[in-house]
C-alpha atoms as a PDB file:
ATOM      1  CA  UNK A   1      49.827 178.638 183.968  1.00  0.00           C
ATOM      2  CA  UNK A   2      53.322 177.179 183.709  1.00  0.00           C
ATOM      3  CA  UNK A   3      54.990 174.886 186.250  1.00  0.00           C
ATOM      4  CA  UNK A   4      56.723 177.744 188.067  1.00  0.00           C
ATOM      5  CA  UNK A   5      53.442 179.636 188.411  1.00  0.00           C
ATOM      6  CA  UNK A   6      51.707 176.517 189.684  1.00  0.00           C
ATOM      7  CA  UNK A   7      54.307 176.412 192.452  1.00  0.00           C
ATOM      8  CA  UNK A   8      53.719 180.101 193.260  1.00  0.00           C
ATOM      9  CA  UNK A   9      49.962 179.563 193.290  1.00  0.00           C
ATOM     10  CA  UNK A  10      50.427 176.941 195.994  1.00  0.00           C
ATOM     11  CA  UNK A  11      51.220 179.825 198.372  1.00  0.00           C
ATOM     12  CA  UNK A  12      49.372 182.750 196.807  1.00  0.00           C
ATOM     13  CA  UNK A  13      46.264 181.075 195.454  1.00  0.00           C
ATOM     14  CA  UNK A  14      45.252 181.387 191.819  1.00  0.00           C
ATOM     15  CA  UNK A  15      43.299 184.632 192.227  1.00  0.00           C
ATOM     16  CA  UNK A  16      46.051 186.479 194.095  1.00  0.00           C
ATOM     17  CA  UNK A  17      48.626 185.274 191.598  1.00  0.00           C
ATOM     18  CA  UNK A  18      46.478 186.428 188.679  1.00  0.00           C
ATOM     19  CA  UNK A  19      46.146 189.851 190.323  1.00  0.00           C
ATOM     20  CA  UNK A  20      49.893 190.224 190.845  1.00  0.00           C
ATOM     21  CA  UNK A  21      50.540 189.197 187.249  1.00  0.00           C
ATOM     22  CA  UNK A  22      48.595 192.257 186.046  1.00  0.00           C
ATOM     23  CA  UNK A  23      50.841 194.657 187.979  1.00  0.00           C
ATOM     24  CA  UNK A  24      53.633 196.343 186.015  1.00  0.00           C
ATOM     25  CA  UNK A  25      56.801 196.781 188.059  1.00  0.00           C
ATOM     26  CA  UNK A  26      59.396 199.367 187.061  1.00  0.00           C
ATOM     27  CA  UNK A  27      62.972 198.742 188.196  1.00  0.00           C
ATOM     28  CA  UNK A  28      65.193 201.812 187.889  1.00  0.00           C
ATOM     29  CA  UNK A  29      68.693 200.366 188.007  1.00  0.00           C
ATOM     30  CA  UNK A  30      69.813 196.751 187.640  1.00  0.00           C
ATOM     31  CA  UNK A  31      72.695 196.685 190.093  1.00  0.00           C
ATOM     32  CA  UNK A  32      72.853 195.349 193.641  1.00  0.00           C
ATOM     33  CA  UNK A  33      69.434 196.633 194.631  1.00  0.00           C
ATOM     34  CA  UNK A  34      67.584 196.348 191.350  1.00  0.00           C
ATOM     35  CA  UNK A  35      68.794 192.915 190.263  1.00  0.00           C
ATOM     36  CA  UNK A  36      68.111 191.295 193.630  1.00  0.00           C
ATOM     37  CA  UNK A  37      64.777 193.052 194.089  1.00  0.00           C
ATOM     38  CA  UNK A  38      63.671 191.939 190.623  1.00  0.00           C
ATOM     39  CA  UNK A  39      64.556 188.322 191.389  1.00  0.00           C
ATOM     40  CA  UNK A  40      62.553 188.454 194.629  1.00  0.00           C
ATOM     41  CA  UNK A  41      59.556 189.907 192.815  1.00  0.00           C
ATOM     42  CA  UNK A  42      59.528 187.408 189.948  1.00  0.00           C
ATOM     43  CA  UNK A  43      59.654 184.645 192.566  1.00  0.00           C
ATOM     44  CA  UNK A  44      56.738 186.331 194.344  1.00  0.00           C
ATOM     45  CA  UNK A  45      54.425 186.030 191.347  1.00  0.00           C
ATOM     46  CA  UNK A  46      54.897 189.313 189.500  1.00  0.00           C
ATOM     47  CA  UNK A  47      55.266 188.826 185.780  1.00  0.00           C
ATOM     48  CA  UNK A  48      55.315 192.253 184.081  1.00  0.00           C
ATOM     49  CA  UNK A  49      58.506 194.285 184.415  1.00  0.00           C
ATOM     50  CA  UNK A  50      60.162 197.334 182.888  1.00  0.00           C
ATOM     51  CA  UNK A  51      63.872 197.501 183.709  1.00  0.00           C
ATOM     52  CA  UNK A  52      66.204 200.392 182.892  1.00  0.00           C
ATOM     53  CA  UNK A  53      69.982 200.505 183.295  1.00  0.00           C
ATOM     54  CA  UNK A  54      72.754 201.684 180.977  1.00  0.00           C
ATOM     55  CA  UNK A  55      75.564 199.550 182.420  1.00  0.00           C
ATOM     56  CA  UNK A  56      77.170 196.192 181.649  1.00  0.00           C
ATOM     57  CA  UNK A  57      78.004 193.371 184.032  1.00  0.00           C
ATOM     58  CA  UNK A  58      81.544 193.632 185.426  1.00  0.00           C
ATOM     59  CA  UNK A  59      83.516 191.148 187.536  1.00  0.00           C
ATOM     60  CA  UNK A  60      83.297 193.526 190.514  1.00  0.00           C
ATOM     61  CA  UNK A  61      79.492 193.307 190.364  1.00  0.00           C
ATOM     62  CA  UNK A  62      79.428 189.605 191.177  1.00  0.00           C
ATOM     63  CA  UNK A  63      80.023 190.176 194.903  1.00  0.00           C
ATOM     64  CA  UNK A  64      76.435 191.427 195.346  1.00  0.00           C
ATOM     65  CA  UNK A  65      74.452 191.491 192.111  1.00  0.00           C
ATOM     66  CA  UNK A  66      72.204 188.747 190.716  1.00  0.00           C
ATOM     67  CA  UNK A  67      74.420 187.852 187.769  1.00  0.00           C
ATOM     68  CA  UNK A  68      76.674 184.947 186.793  1.00  0.00           C
ATOM     69  CA  UNK A  69      80.321 184.891 185.798  1.00  0.00           C
ATOM     70  CA  UNK A  70      79.408 183.905 182.240  1.00  0.00           C
ATOM     71  CA  UNK A  71      77.309 187.098 181.960  1.00  0.00           C
ATOM     72  CA  UNK A  72      80.243 189.462 182.454  1.00  0.00           C
ATOM     73  CA  UNK A  73      80.283 191.926 179.569  1.00  0.00           C
ATOM     74  CA  UNK A  74      76.555 191.644 178.838  1.00  0.00           C
ATOM     75  CA  UNK A  75      74.132 194.516 179.247  1.00  0.00           C
ATOM     76  CA  UNK A  76      72.768 194.275 182.777  1.00  0.00           C
ATOM     77  CA  UNK A  77      69.163 194.614 181.647  1.00  0.00           C
ATOM     78  CA  UNK A  78      69.493 191.729 179.175  1.00  0.00           C
ATOM     79  CA  UNK A  79      71.314 189.495 181.660  1.00  0.00           C
ATOM     80  CA  UNK A  80      68.759 190.223 184.380  1.00  0.00           C
ATOM     81  CA  UNK A  81      65.840 189.498 182.055  1.00  0.00           C
ATOM     82  CA  UNK A  82      67.458 186.161 181.206  1.00  0.00           C
ATOM     83  CA  UNK A  83      67.833 185.283 184.881  1.00  0.00           C
ATOM     84  CA  UNK A  84      64.263 186.283 185.656  1.00  0.00           C
ATOM     85  CA  UNK A  85      62.967 184.096 182.835  1.00  0.00           C
ATOM     86  CA  UNK A  86      65.042 181.299 184.318  1.00  0.00           C
ATOM     87  CA  UNK A  87      62.583 181.449 187.231  1.00  0.00           C
ATOM     88  CA  UNK A  88      59.453 182.143 185.194  1.00  0.00           C
ATOM     89  CA  UNK A  89      59.816 181.637 181.435  1.00  0.00           C
ATOM     90  CA  UNK A  90      56.616 183.603 180.863  1.00  0.00           C
ATOM     91  CA  UNK A  91      57.874 186.749 182.594  1.00  0.00           C
ATOM     92  CA  UNK A  92      57.237 189.738 180.326  1.00  0.00           C
ATOM     93  CA  UNK A  93      60.366 191.840 180.810  1.00  0.00           C
ATOM     94  CA  UNK A  94      60.774 195.043 178.814  1.00  0.00           C
ATOM     95  CA  UNK A  95      64.353 196.304 178.954  1.00  0.00           C
ATOM     96  CA  UNK A  96      65.829 199.737 178.301  1.00  0.00           C
ATOM     97  CA  UNK A  97      69.625 199.961 178.097  1.00  0.00           C
ATOM     98  CA  UNK A  98      69.604 203.675 178.896  1.00  0.00           C
ATOM     99  CA  UNK A  99      70.728 206.025 181.636  1.00  0.00           C
ATOM    100  CA  UNK A 100      67.652 207.433 183.320  1.00  0.00           C
ATOM    101  CA  UNK A 101      67.518 211.224 183.298  1.00  0.00           C
ATOM    102  CA  UNK A 102      64.899 213.960 183.795  1.00  0.00           C
ATOM    103  CA  UNK A 103      64.146 214.014 180.079  1.00  0.00           C
ATOM    104  CA  UNK A 104      63.449 210.278 179.695  1.00  0.00           C
ATOM    105  CA  UNK A 105      62.522 208.732 183.073  1.00  0.00           C
ATOM    106  CA  UNK A 106      58.781 209.361 182.827  1.00  0.00           C
ATOM    107  CA  UNK A 107      58.624 207.946 179.293  1.00  0.00           C
ATOM    108  CA  UNK A 108      60.806 204.896 179.954  1.00  0.00           C
ATOM    109  CA  UNK A 109      58.803 203.902 183.038  1.00  0.00           C
ATOM    110  CA  UNK A 110      55.397 205.006 181.747  1.00  0.00           C
ATOM    111  CA  UNK A 111      52.571 202.648 182.633  1.00  0.00           C
ATOM    112  CA  UNK A 112      54.290 201.178 185.683  1.00  0.00           C
ATOM    113  CA  UNK A 113      52.148 200.678 188.777  1.00  0.00           C
ATOM    114  CA  UNK A 114      55.227 200.786 191.010  1.00  0.00           C
ATOM    115  CA  UNK A 115      58.744 202.107 190.542  1.00  0.00           C
ATOM    116  CA  UNK A 116      61.630 200.655 192.530  1.00  0.00           C
ATOM    117  CA  UNK A 117      64.440 203.189 192.818  1.00  0.00           C
ATOM    118  CA  UNK A 118      67.713 201.260 192.666  1.00  0.00           C
ATOM    119  CA  UNK A 119      70.172 203.864 191.423  1.00  0.00           C
ATOM    120  CA  UNK A 120      73.663 204.689 192.727  1.00  0.00           C
ATOM    121  CA  UNK A 121      73.863 208.420 192.149  1.00  0.00           C
ATOM    122  CA  UNK A 122      72.159 210.625 194.802  1.00  0.00           C
ATOM    123  CA  UNK A 123      71.161 213.134 192.145  1.00  0.00           C
ATOM    124  CA  UNK A 124      69.524 210.411 190.059  1.00  0.00           C
ATOM    125  CA  UNK A 125      67.711 209.139 193.148  1.00  0.00           C
ATOM    126  CA  UNK A 126      66.301 212.611 193.812  1.00  0.00           C
ATOM    127  CA  UNK A 127      65.341 213.009 190.162  1.00  0.00           C
ATOM    128  CA  UNK A 128      63.365 209.776 190.192  1.00  0.00           C
ATOM    129  CA  UNK A 129      61.581 210.725 193.410  1.00  0.00           C
ATOM    130  CA  UNK A 130      60.633 214.096 191.957  1.00  0.00           C
ATOM    131  CA  UNK A 131      59.418 212.455 188.752  1.00  0.00           C
ATOM    132  CA  UNK A 132      57.154 209.826 190.307  1.00  0.00           C
ATOM    133  CA  UNK A 133      56.267 210.844 193.875  1.00  0.00           C
ATOM    134  CA  UNK A 134      53.383 213.023 192.682  1.00  0.00           C
ATOM    135  CA  UNK A 135      52.061 210.680 189.984  1.00  0.00           C
ATOM    136  CA  UNK A 136      50.113 208.326 192.259  1.00  0.00           C
ATOM    137  CA  UNK A 137      52.582 205.535 191.514  1.00  0.00           C
ATOM    138  CA  UNK A 138      53.999 203.487 194.387  1.00  0.00           C
ATOM    139  CA  UNK A 139      57.644 204.528 194.768  1.00  0.00           C
ATOM    140  CA  UNK A 140      60.070 202.424 196.795  1.00  0.00           C
ATOM    141  CA  UNK A 141      63.480 204.048 197.199  1.00  0.00           C
ATOM    142  CA  UNK A 142      66.613 203.175 199.171  1.00  0.00           C
ATOM    143  CA  UNK A 143      69.356 205.042 201.012  1.00  0.00           C
ATOM    144  CA  UNK A 144      72.168 203.695 203.200  1.00  0.00           C
ATOM    145  CA  UNK A 145      73.256 200.056 202.982  1.00  0.00           C
ATOM    146  CA  UNK A 146      77.060 200.169 202.807  1.00  0.00           C
ATOM    147  CA  UNK A 147      79.513 198.061 204.786  1.00  0.00           C
ATOM    148  CA  UNK A 148      78.915 195.034 206.965  1.00  0.00           C
ATOM    149  CA  UNK A 149      77.308 194.365 210.327  1.00  0.00           C
ATOM    150  CA  UNK A 150      74.259 195.632 212.208  1.00  0.00           C
ATOM    151  CA  UNK A 151      71.899 194.843 209.342  1.00  0.00           C
ATOM    152  CA  UNK A 152      68.971 195.494 211.680  1.00  0.00           C
ATOM    153  CA  UNK A 153      69.595 199.198 211.113  1.00  0.00           C
ATOM    154  CA  UNK A 154      68.243 198.761 207.589  1.00  0.00           C
ATOM    155  CA  UNK A 155      64.587 199.589 208.068  1.00  0.00           C
ATOM    156  CA  UNK A 156      61.557 200.537 206.017  1.00  0.00           C
ATOM    157  CA  UNK A 157      60.111 204.027 206.457  1.00  0.00           C
ATOM    158  CA  UNK A 158      56.678 205.034 205.143  1.00  0.00           C
ATOM    159  CA  UNK A 159      57.594 208.600 204.208  1.00  0.00           C
ATOM    160  CA  UNK A 160      54.232 209.582 202.797  1.00  0.00           C
ATOM    161  CA  UNK A 161      51.375 208.059 200.827  1.00  0.00           C
ATOM    162  CA  UNK A 162      52.768 205.831 198.076  1.00  0.00           C
ATOM    163  CA  UNK A 163      56.391 206.575 199.030  1.00  0.00           C
ATOM    164  CA  UNK A 164      58.608 204.219 201.035  1.00  0.00           C
ATOM    165  CA  UNK A 165      62.315 204.533 201.841  1.00  0.00           C
ATOM    166  CA  UNK A 166      64.511 201.557 202.795  1.00  0.00           C
ATOM    167  CA  UNK A 167      67.959 201.696 204.394  1.00  0.00           C
ATOM    168  CA  UNK A 168      69.788 203.031 207.442  1.00  0.00           C
ATOM    169  CA  UNK A 169      69.653 206.524 205.874  1.00  0.00           C
ATOM    170  CA  UNK A 170      73.326 207.284 206.525  1.00  0.00           C
ATOM    171  CA  UNK A 171      75.815 204.546 205.551  1.00  0.00           C
ATOM    172  CA  UNK A 172      76.276 205.143 201.854  1.00  0.00           C
ATOM    173  CA  UNK A 173      78.414 202.758 199.826  1.00  0.00           C
ATOM    174  CA  UNK A 174      81.932 204.169 199.541  1.00  0.00           C
ATOM    175  CA  UNK A 175      85.579 203.242 200.125  1.00  0.00           C
ATOM    176  CA  UNK A 176      85.077 202.965 203.875  1.00  0.00           C
ATOM    177  CA  UNK A 177      81.777 201.112 203.556  1.00  0.00           C
ATOM    178  CA  UNK A 178      81.872 198.991 200.384  1.00  0.00           C
ATOM    179  CA  UNK A 179      78.722 197.503 198.871  1.00  0.00           C
ATOM    180  CA  UNK A 180      78.686 193.958 200.254  1.00  0.00           C
ATOM    181  CA  UNK A 181      76.074 191.354 199.409  1.00  0.00           C
ATOM    182  CA  UNK A 182      74.464 190.886 202.859  1.00  0.00           C
ATOM    183  CA  UNK A 183      73.395 194.474 203.607  1.00  0.00           C
ATOM    184  CA  UNK A 184      72.644 195.324 199.979  1.00  0.00           C
ATOM    185  CA  UNK A 185      70.607 192.112 199.787  1.00  0.00           C
ATOM    186  CA  UNK A 186      68.668 192.988 202.937  1.00  0.00           C
ATOM    187  CA  UNK A 187      67.738 196.367 201.475  1.00  0.00           C
ATOM    188  CA  UNK A 188      66.709 194.826 198.136  1.00  0.00           C
ATOM    189  CA  UNK A 189      64.577 192.211 199.907  1.00  0.00           C
ATOM    190  CA  UNK A 190      62.883 194.910 201.977  1.00  0.00           C
ATOM    191  CA  UNK A 191      62.093 196.878 198.828  1.00  0.00           C
ATOM    192  CA  UNK A 192      60.547 193.768 197.288  1.00  0.00           C
ATOM    193  CA  UNK A 193      58.615 193.113 200.496  1.00  0.00           C
ATOM    194  CA  UNK A 194      57.069 196.592 200.368  1.00  0.00           C
ATOM    195  CA  UNK A 195      55.936 195.982 196.790  1.00  0.00           C
ATOM    196  CA  UNK A 196      54.484 192.550 197.539  1.00  0.00           C
ATOM    197  CA  UNK A 197      52.710 193.648 200.730  1.00  0.00           C
ATOM    198  CA  UNK A 198      51.238 196.703 199.007  1.00  0.00           C
ATOM    199  CA  UNK A 199      49.659 194.774 196.161  1.00  0.00           C
ATOM    200  CA  UNK A 200      48.463 191.913 198.335  1.00  0.00           C
ATOM    201  CA  UNK A 201      46.675 194.565 200.409  1.00  0.00           C
ATOM    202  CA  UNK A 202      45.254 196.046 197.204  1.00  0.00           C
ATOM    203  CA  UNK A 203      43.935 192.630 196.253  1.00  0.00           C
ATOM    204  CA  UNK A 204      42.188 192.202 199.618  1.00  0.00           C
ATOM    205  CA  UNK A 205      40.716 195.697 199.352  1.00  0.00           C
ATOM    206  CA  UNK A 206      39.265 195.018 195.912  1.00  0.00           C
ATOM    207  CA  UNK A 207      37.820 191.697 197.074  1.00  0.00           C
ATOM    208  CA  UNK A 208      35.992 193.470 199.911  1.00  0.00           C
ATOM    209  CA  UNK A 209      34.657 196.132 197.558  1.00  0.00           C
ATOM    210  CA  UNK A 210      33.436 193.595 194.992  1.00  0.00           C
END
């Protein structure tokens, strides 16, 4: 257990931390949602990640995404993995610099216990939901976090078993409602909170059954 994990264990306990470290988290998209959610989760004790995104870091991303100025031009998945290992050097981050599509999503994210949907395109969001909603994998998606103000409208909905949806469900990011750090960050944090709460509950359930 490294120094960072010792600090996490101070809040989680060694057994809970060990349990979370066996969970494999899939992050579909490494932009405003995915990069911030991943950073929350690595700080929460998760250690195994699979991250997929085809894009590179651009200056316009820095207003909301978990990247640095010196990472502009790098593949987002590589830059994010570097930043995650800056928190926990033993984080096992598998990266795929690919665009997720119906023909590759299941293979790229195979073996994940949870998939965080953090994609921009509505069609890609629907594709990911269709791919994983029936596989018994926890799926945490997002819809509606554009603009500024009234962040309390960003809520978490338990749509059905193993499927959660975060957002205000209507304010998409566009020219009238740009993607700003506060509301995007709230949504990403709520996605991470769903993941953490779910697996902490799983840990308690297994302890009772043991």
